[in-house]
Amino acid sequence: MPSDGPLILSFDTSAAHCAAALLCGDRILVERREEMTRGQAERLVPLLEELLAEARHGWADLSALAVGVGPGNFTGIRISVALARGLALGLDVPVIGVTGFEVLSEGASRPVLATLPAPRGQVYAQLITDSETGAPQLCPADALPDELMPPGTGLLGAAPGATSGPDNPAPAIARIAAARLADAASRALPAPAPFYLRPADAAPPRDAPPRIVP
């Protein structure tokens, strides 16, 4: 089916959901978000195929892919990023990684503090101004550092009193990726990588792995 602009498929499993959207030019053709705490690995590809079919497109029509890279759930982030990189290689299209902070701050007045839920009563936080993006931090949700909240700063996301973000992050991921793709022109874009701000909860085994003799 012909399109009137770059066709970008975006998806995200960095939280307890499978989210996806299909962007053509500046229009979201179709989007979906399904709540789930597990099973994203099994559900994600069928969900993407359903969106493409609903919009009467196929994998070969895609101009680019976009993926949410976190921060968020370790396993969920790895599922999406690994799939995005594999699909990009197979389809020979660029893939753009977009952080949750970028999603929250899309279209918001600056300066703004974007916050995402983290374990144990904490949030991931990043201050974004017109001129720069601050270093992301992990901090208590109810005790944000003063340096992250200069006068006039808006608050978005998971912190108490914050304005909530979009129900489905995938459309914003697609729009941000489209802008980045246009800015990149002929430059190669770096492959997306999981964006982590804390170590994994699971500790590596203390014992050395057994030696395997061929």
C-alpha atoms as a PDB file:
ATOM      1  CA  MET A   1       0.000   0.000   0.000  1.00  0.00           C
ATOM      2  CA  PRO A   2       1.550   3.393  -0.932  1.00  0.00           C
ATOM      3  CA  SER A   3       2.312   5.825   1.855  1.00  0.00           C
ATOM      4  CA  ASP A   4       2.638   9.603   1.990  1.00  0.00           C
ATOM      5  CA  GLY A   5       5.780   9.680   4.105  1.00  0.00           C
ATOM      6  CA  PRO A   6       8.272   7.514   6.002  1.00  0.00           C
ATOM      7  CA  LEU A   7       6.566   4.544   7.607  1.00  0.00           C
ATOM      8  CA  ILE A   8       7.886   3.953  11.131  1.00  0.00           C
ATOM      9  CA  LEU A   9       6.870   1.088  13.407  1.00  0.00           C
ATOM     10  CA  SER A  10       7.502   1.776  17.098  1.00  0.00           C
ATOM     11  CA  PHE A  11       7.137  -0.453  20.136  1.00  0.00           C
ATOM     12  CA  ASP A  12       7.895  -0.545  23.847  1.00  0.00           C
ATOM     13  CA  THR A  13       7.890  -3.156  26.615  1.00  0.00           C
ATOM     14  CA  SER A  14       9.871  -1.251  29.246  1.00  0.00           C
ATOM     15  CA  ALA A  15       6.919  -1.358  31.679  1.00  0.00           C
ATOM     16  CA  ALA A  16       4.025  -3.760  32.327  1.00  0.00           C
ATOM     17  CA  HIS A  17       2.661  -3.514  28.808  1.00  0.00           C
ATOM     18  CA  CYS A  18       3.116  -4.240  25.122  1.00  0.00           C
ATOM     19  CA  ALA A  19       2.760  -0.939  23.275  1.00  0.00           C
ATOM     20  CA  ALA A  20       3.078  -0.265  19.566  1.00  0.00           C
ATOM     21  CA  ALA A  21       2.225   2.333  16.929  1.00  0.00           C
ATOM     22  CA  LEU A  22       2.593   2.842  13.191  1.00  0.00           C
ATOM     23  CA  LEU A  23       3.473   6.336  11.972  1.00  0.00           C
ATOM     24  CA  CYS A  24       3.181   7.418   8.338  1.00  0.00           C
ATOM     25  CA  GLY A  25       4.607  10.872   7.701  1.00  0.00           C
ATOM     26  CA  ASP A  26       3.081  12.888  10.523  1.00  0.00           C
ATOM     27  CA  ARG A  27       0.019  10.648  11.080  1.00  0.00           C
ATOM     28  CA  ILE A  28      -0.387   7.797  13.517  1.00  0.00           C
ATOM     29  CA  LEU A  29      -2.177   5.167  11.436  1.00  0.00           C
ATOM     30  CA  VAL A  30      -2.822   2.723  14.259  1.00  0.00           C
ATOM     31  CA  GLU A  31      -1.720   2.248  17.850  1.00  0.00           C
ATOM     32  CA  ARG A  32      -2.323  -0.232  20.634  1.00  0.00           C
ATOM     33  CA  ARG A  33      -1.296  -0.831  24.233  1.00  0.00           C
ATOM     34  CA  GLU A  34      -1.992  -4.043  26.129  1.00  0.00           C
ATOM     35  CA  GLU A  35      -1.442  -4.334  29.872  1.00  0.00           C
ATOM     36  CA  MET A  36       0.642  -7.352  30.877  1.00  0.00           C
ATOM     37  CA  THR A  37       3.165  -8.128  33.588  1.00  0.00           C
ATOM     38  CA  ARG A  38       4.598 -11.115  31.721  1.00  0.00           C
ATOM     39  CA  GLY A  39       4.433 -12.673  28.287  1.00  0.00           C
ATOM     40  CA  GLN A  40       5.725  -9.679  26.315  1.00  0.00           C
ATOM     41  CA  ALA A  41       8.242 -11.841  24.469  1.00  0.00           C
ATOM     42  CA  GLU A  42       5.462 -14.066  23.123  1.00  0.00           C
ATOM     43  CA  ARG A  43       2.973 -11.276  22.420  1.00  0.00           C
ATOM     44  CA  LEU A  44       5.121  -8.538  20.861  1.00  0.00           C
ATOM     45  CA  VAL A  45       5.666  -9.881  17.336  1.00  0.00           C
ATOM     46  CA  PRO A  46       2.017 -10.950  16.855  1.00  0.00           C
ATOM     47  CA  LEU A  47       0.937  -7.505  18.072  1.00  0.00           C
ATOM     48  CA  LEU A  48       3.195  -5.793  15.531  1.00  0.00           C
ATOM     49  CA  GLU A  49       1.881  -8.014  12.752  1.00  0.00           C
ATOM     50  CA  GLU A  50      -1.687  -7.171  13.754  1.00  0.00           C
ATOM     51  CA  LEU A  51      -0.960  -3.437  13.555  1.00  0.00           C
ATOM     52  CA  LEU A  52       0.654  -3.762  10.138  1.00  0.00           C
ATOM     53  CA  ALA A  53      -2.266  -5.828   8.850  1.00  0.00           C
ATOM     54  CA  GLU A  54      -4.810  -3.360  10.238  1.00  0.00           C
ATOM     55  CA  ALA A  55      -3.056  -0.525   8.395  1.00  0.00           C
ATOM     56  CA  ARG A  56      -2.764  -2.702   5.264  1.00  0.00           C
ATOM     57  CA  HIS A  57       1.018  -2.643   5.304  1.00  0.00           C
ATOM     58  CA  GLY A  58       3.711  -5.298   5.448  1.00  0.00           C
ATOM     59  CA  TRP A  59       7.184  -5.546   6.946  1.00  0.00           C
ATOM     60  CA  ALA A  60       8.756  -4.637   3.598  1.00  0.00           C
ATOM     61  CA  ASP A  61       6.936  -1.276   3.588  1.00  0.00           C
ATOM     62  CA  LEU A  62       8.724  -0.002   6.690  1.00  0.00           C
ATOM     63  CA  SER A  63      11.165   2.895   6.414  1.00  0.00           C
ATOM     64  CA  ALA A  64      12.464   2.590   9.981  1.00  0.00           C
ATOM     65  CA  LEU A  65      11.862   1.084  13.404  1.00  0.00           C
ATOM     66  CA  ALA A  66      11.762   2.829  16.769  1.00  0.00           C
ATOM     67  CA  VAL A  67      12.003   1.270  20.206  1.00  0.00           C
ATOM     68  CA  GLY A  68      11.683   2.356  23.820  1.00  0.00           C
ATOM     69  CA  VAL A  69      15.005   1.744  25.588  1.00  0.00           C
ATOM     70  CA  GLY A  70      13.982   2.524  29.174  1.00  0.00           C
ATOM     71  CA  PRO A  71      14.729   3.033  31.940  1.00  0.00           C
ATOM     72  CA  GLY A  72      12.298   0.493  33.316  1.00  0.00           C
ATOM     73  CA  ASN A  73      11.903  -3.249  33.546  1.00  0.00           C
ATOM     74  CA  PHE A  74      15.176  -5.029  32.715  1.00  0.00           C
ATOM     75  CA  THR A  75      13.655  -8.012  30.938  1.00  0.00           C
ATOM     76  CA  GLY A  76      11.092  -5.947  29.059  1.00  0.00           C
ATOM     77  CA  ILE A  77      13.716  -3.534  27.768  1.00  0.00           C
ATOM     78  CA  ARG A  78      15.911  -6.371  26.548  1.00  0.00           C
ATOM     79  CA  ILE A  79      12.971  -7.986  24.737  1.00  0.00           C
ATOM     80  CA  SER A  80      12.177  -4.872  22.700  1.00  0.00           C
ATOM     81  CA  VAL A  81      15.735  -3.776  22.015  1.00  0.00           C
ATOM     82  CA  ALA A  82      16.820  -7.244  20.886  1.00  0.00           C
ATOM     83  CA  LEU A  83      13.797  -7.550  18.597  1.00  0.00           C
ATOM     84  CA  ALA A  84      14.318  -4.064  17.153  1.00  0.00           C
ATOM     85  CA  ARG A  85      17.949  -4.736  16.345  1.00  0.00           C
ATOM     86  CA  GLY A  86      17.163  -8.101  14.809  1.00  0.00           C
ATOM     87  CA  LEU A  87      14.317  -6.750  12.684  1.00  0.00           C
ATOM     88  CA  ALA A  88      16.403  -3.784  11.535  1.00  0.00           C
ATOM     89  CA  LEU A  89      19.145  -6.139  10.399  1.00  0.00           C
ATOM     90  CA  GLY A  90      16.737  -8.424   8.572  1.00  0.00           C
ATOM     91  CA  LEU A  91      14.745  -5.611   6.952  1.00  0.00           C
ATOM     92  CA  ASP A  92      17.806  -3.423   6.281  1.00  0.00           C
ATOM     93  CA  VAL A  93      16.200  -0.336   7.810  1.00  0.00           C
ATOM     94  CA  PRO A  94      17.462   2.066  10.494  1.00  0.00           C
ATOM     95  CA  VAL A  95      16.350   1.652  14.096  1.00  0.00           C
ATOM     96  CA  ILE A  96      16.177   4.486  16.627  1.00  0.00           C
ATOM     97  CA  GLY A  97      16.145   4.125  20.405  1.00  0.00           C
ATOM     98  CA  VAL A  98      14.058   6.573  22.454  1.00  0.00           C
ATOM     99  CA  THR A  99      14.175   6.960  26.236  1.00  0.00           C
ATOM    100  CA  GLY A 100      11.152   7.207  28.493  1.00  0.00           C
ATOM    101  CA  PHE A 101      12.318  10.689  29.521  1.00  0.00           C
ATOM    102  CA  GLU A 102      12.089  11.822  25.894  1.00  0.00           C
ATOM    103  CA  VAL A 103       8.599  10.376  25.634  1.00  0.00           C
ATOM    104  CA  LEU A 104       7.397  12.197  28.748  1.00  0.00           C
ATOM    105  CA  SER A 105       8.893  15.536  27.731  1.00  0.00           C
ATOM    106  CA  GLU A 106       7.682  15.485  24.110  1.00  0.00           C
ATOM    107  CA  GLY A 107       5.864  18.756  23.482  1.00  0.00           C
ATOM    108  CA  ALA A 108       6.164  19.918  27.114  1.00  0.00           C
ATOM    109  CA  SER A 109       7.214  23.423  28.115  1.00  0.00           C
ATOM    110  CA  ARG A 110      10.809  23.557  29.361  1.00  0.00           C
ATOM    111  CA  PRO A 111      12.336  23.271  31.875  1.00  0.00           C
ATOM    112  CA  VAL A 112      10.700  20.033  32.917  1.00  0.00           C
ATOM    113  CA  LEU A 113      11.619  17.174  35.224  1.00  0.00           C
ATOM    114  CA  ALA A 114      10.623  13.844  33.707  1.00  0.00           C
ATOM    115  CA  THR A 115      10.166  11.010  36.218  1.00  0.00           C
ATOM    116  CA  LEU A 116       9.588   7.306  35.638  1.00  0.00           C
ATOM    117  CA  PRO A 117       8.648   4.681  38.251  1.00  0.00           C
ATOM    118  CA  ALA A 118      11.494   2.731  39.834  1.00  0.00           C
ATOM    119  CA  PRO A 119      11.475   0.004  42.492  1.00  0.00           C
ATOM    120  CA  ARG A 120      11.348   0.592  46.261  1.00  0.00           C
ATOM    121  CA  GLY A 121       9.578   3.964  46.276  1.00  0.00           C
ATOM    122  CA  GLN A 122      12.046   5.593  43.923  1.00  0.00           C
ATOM    123  CA  VAL A 123      11.864   7.289  40.543  1.00  0.00           C
ATOM    124  CA  TYR A 124      14.196   7.683  37.611  1.00  0.00           C
ATOM    125  CA  ALA A 125      14.480  11.431  36.987  1.00  0.00           C
ATOM    126  CA  GLN A 126      15.989  13.676  34.339  1.00  0.00           C
ATOM    127  CA  LEU A 127      15.917  17.481  34.088  1.00  0.00           C
ATOM    128  CA  ILE A 128      15.369  18.726  30.544  1.00  0.00           C
ATOM    129  CA  THR A 129      15.742  22.390  29.586  1.00  0.00           C
ATOM    130  CA  ASP A 130      15.695  24.282  26.291  1.00  0.00           C
ATOM    131  CA  SER A 131      19.473  24.128  26.071  1.00  0.00           C
ATOM    132  CA  GLU A 132      20.495  20.832  27.653  1.00  0.00           C
ATOM    133  CA  THR A 133      19.519  17.491  29.134  1.00  0.00           C
ATOM    134  CA  GLY A 134      20.733  16.759  32.645  1.00  0.00           C
ATOM    135  CA  ALA A 135      22.233  13.522  33.865  1.00  0.00           C
ATOM    136  CA  PRO A 136      19.542  10.953  34.734  1.00  0.00           C
ATOM    137  CA  GLN A 137      19.298  10.038  38.413  1.00  0.00           C
ATOM    138  CA  LEU A 138      17.688   7.466  40.671  1.00  0.00           C
ATOM    139  CA  CYS A 139      16.136   9.199  43.687  1.00  0.00           C
ATOM    140  CA  PRO A 140      13.328   8.897  46.277  1.00  0.00           C
ATOM    141  CA  ALA A 141       9.949   9.704  44.755  1.00  0.00           C
ATOM    142  CA  ASP A 142       8.942  11.907  47.699  1.00  0.00           C
ATOM    143  CA  ALA A 143      12.286  13.684  48.150  1.00  0.00           C
ATOM    144  CA  LEU A 144      13.489  14.968  44.795  1.00  0.00           C
ATOM    145  CA  PRO A 145      16.871  16.757  44.999  1.00  0.00           C
ATOM    146  CA  ASP A 146      16.639  20.547  44.849  1.00  0.00           C
ATOM    147  CA  GLU A 147      19.018  20.705  41.899  1.00  0.00           C
ATOM    148  CA  LEU A 148      16.489  18.777  39.825  1.00  0.00           C
ATOM    149  CA  MET A 149      13.719  21.262  40.553  1.00  0.00           C
ATOM    150  CA  PRO A 150      14.915  24.808  39.816  1.00  0.00           C
ATOM    151  CA  PRO A 151      12.226  27.534  39.903  1.00  0.00           C
ATOM    152  CA  GLY A 152       9.671  27.226  37.125  1.00  0.00           C
ATOM    153  CA  THR A 153      10.302  23.557  36.450  1.00  0.00           C
ATOM    154  CA  GLY A 154       7.329  21.433  35.483  1.00  0.00           C
ATOM    155  CA  LEU A 155       6.960  17.911  36.850  1.00  0.00           C
ATOM    156  CA  LEU A 156       5.931  14.982  34.681  1.00  0.00           C
ATOM    157  CA  GLY A 157       5.495  11.265  35.230  1.00  0.00           C
ATOM    158  CA  ALA A 158       5.617   9.149  38.358  1.00  0.00           C
ATOM    159  CA  ALA A 159       6.638  11.545  41.152  1.00  0.00           C
ATOM    160  CA  PRO A 160       3.932  12.711  43.601  1.00  0.00           C
ATOM    161  CA  GLY A 161       2.096  15.724  42.184  1.00  0.00           C
ATOM    162  CA  ALA A 162       3.401  15.148  38.672  1.00  0.00           C
ATOM    163  CA  THR A 163       1.327  15.408  35.536  1.00  0.00           C
ATOM    164  CA  SER A 164       0.916  11.897  34.156  1.00  0.00           C
ATOM    165  CA  GLY A 165       2.481  10.847  30.893  1.00  0.00           C
ATOM    166  CA  PRO A 166       0.781   9.304  27.848  1.00  0.00           C
ATOM    167  CA  ASP A 167      -1.115   6.044  28.289  1.00  0.00           C
ATOM    168  CA  ASN A 168       0.643   4.663  25.238  1.00  0.00           C
ATOM    169  CA  PRO A 169       4.294   5.703  24.778  1.00  0.00           C
ATOM    170  CA  ALA A 170       4.584   4.212  21.289  1.00  0.00           C
ATOM    171  CA  PRO A 171       3.182   7.173  19.276  1.00  0.00           C
ATOM    172  CA  ALA A 172       5.631   9.568  20.942  1.00  0.00           C
ATOM    173  CA  ILE A 173       8.472   7.116  20.339  1.00  0.00           C
ATOM    174  CA  ALA A 174       7.567   7.064  16.646  1.00  0.00           C
ATOM    175  CA  ARG A 175       7.342  10.864  16.350  1.00  0.00           C
ATOM    176  CA  ILE A 176      10.651  11.418  18.144  1.00  0.00           C
ATOM    177  CA  ALA A 177      12.301   8.794  15.961  1.00  0.00           C
ATOM    178  CA  ALA A 178      10.920  10.412  12.800  1.00  0.00           C
ATOM    179  CA  ALA A 179      12.406  13.769  13.779  1.00  0.00           C
ATOM    180  CA  ARG A 180      15.737  12.160  14.607  1.00  0.00           C
ATOM    181  CA  LEU A 181      15.724  10.248  11.348  1.00  0.00           C
ATOM    182  CA  ALA A 182      15.140  13.454   9.384  1.00  0.00           C
ATOM    183  CA  ASP A 183      17.919  15.258  11.265  1.00  0.00           C
ATOM    184  CA  ALA A 184      20.355  12.413  10.683  1.00  0.00           C
ATOM    185  CA  ALA A 185      19.985  12.626   6.880  1.00  0.00           C
ATOM    186  CA  SER A 186      22.738  10.403   5.502  1.00  0.00           C
ATOM    187  CA  ARG A 187      24.518   9.869   8.836  1.00  0.00           C
ATOM    188  CA  ALA A 188      24.481   6.393  10.329  1.00  0.00           C
ATOM    189  CA  LEU A 189      22.440   6.193  13.517  1.00  0.00           C
ATOM    190  CA  PRO A 190      23.810   4.257  16.489  1.00  0.00           C
ATOM    191  CA  ALA A 191      22.110   0.976  17.300  1.00  0.00           C
ATOM    192  CA  PRO A 192      19.768   1.248  20.303  1.00  0.00           C
ATOM    193  CA  ALA A 193      20.939  -0.149  23.618  1.00  0.00           C
ATOM    194  CA  PRO A 194      19.092  -0.736  26.905  1.00  0.00           C
ATOM    195  CA  PHE A 195      19.152   2.360  29.118  1.00  0.00           C
ATOM    196  CA  TYR A 196      19.689   1.206  32.709  1.00  0.00           C
ATOM    197  CA  LEU A 197      20.170   3.383  35.786  1.00  0.00           C
ATOM    198  CA  ARG A 198      20.613   0.674  38.413  1.00  0.00           C
ATOM    199  CA  PRO A 199      22.134  -2.810  38.620  1.00  0.00           C
ATOM    200  CA  ALA A 200      19.964  -5.853  38.134  1.00  0.00           C
ATOM    201  CA  ASP A 201      18.236  -7.300  41.212  1.00  0.00           C
ATOM    202  CA  ALA A 202      19.519 -10.781  40.386  1.00  0.00           C
ATOM    203  CA  ALA A 203      23.089 -11.270  41.575  1.00  0.00           C
ATOM    204  CA  PRO A 204      25.539 -13.270  39.449  1.00  0.00           C
ATOM    205  CA  PRO A 205      26.497 -16.700  40.819  1.00  0.00           C
ATOM    206  CA  ARG A 206      29.517 -16.739  43.130  1.00  0.00           C
ATOM    207  CA  ASP A 207      30.832 -20.074  41.898  1.00  0.00           C
ATOM    208  CA  ALA A 208      32.810 -20.201  38.679  1.00  0.00           C
ATOM    209  CA  PRO A 209      31.003 -21.958  35.822  1.00  0.00           C
ATOM    210  CA  PRO A 210      32.143 -25.525  35.165  1.00  0.00           C
ATOM    211  CA  ARG A 211      34.704 -26.084  32.474  1.00  0.00           C
ATOM    212  CA  ILE A 212      33.214 -27.717  29.425  1.00  0.00           C
ATOM    213  CA  VAL A 213      35.620 -30.027  27.613  1.00  0.00           C
ATOM    214  CA  PRO A 214      34.806 -30.566  23.926  1.00  0.00           C
END
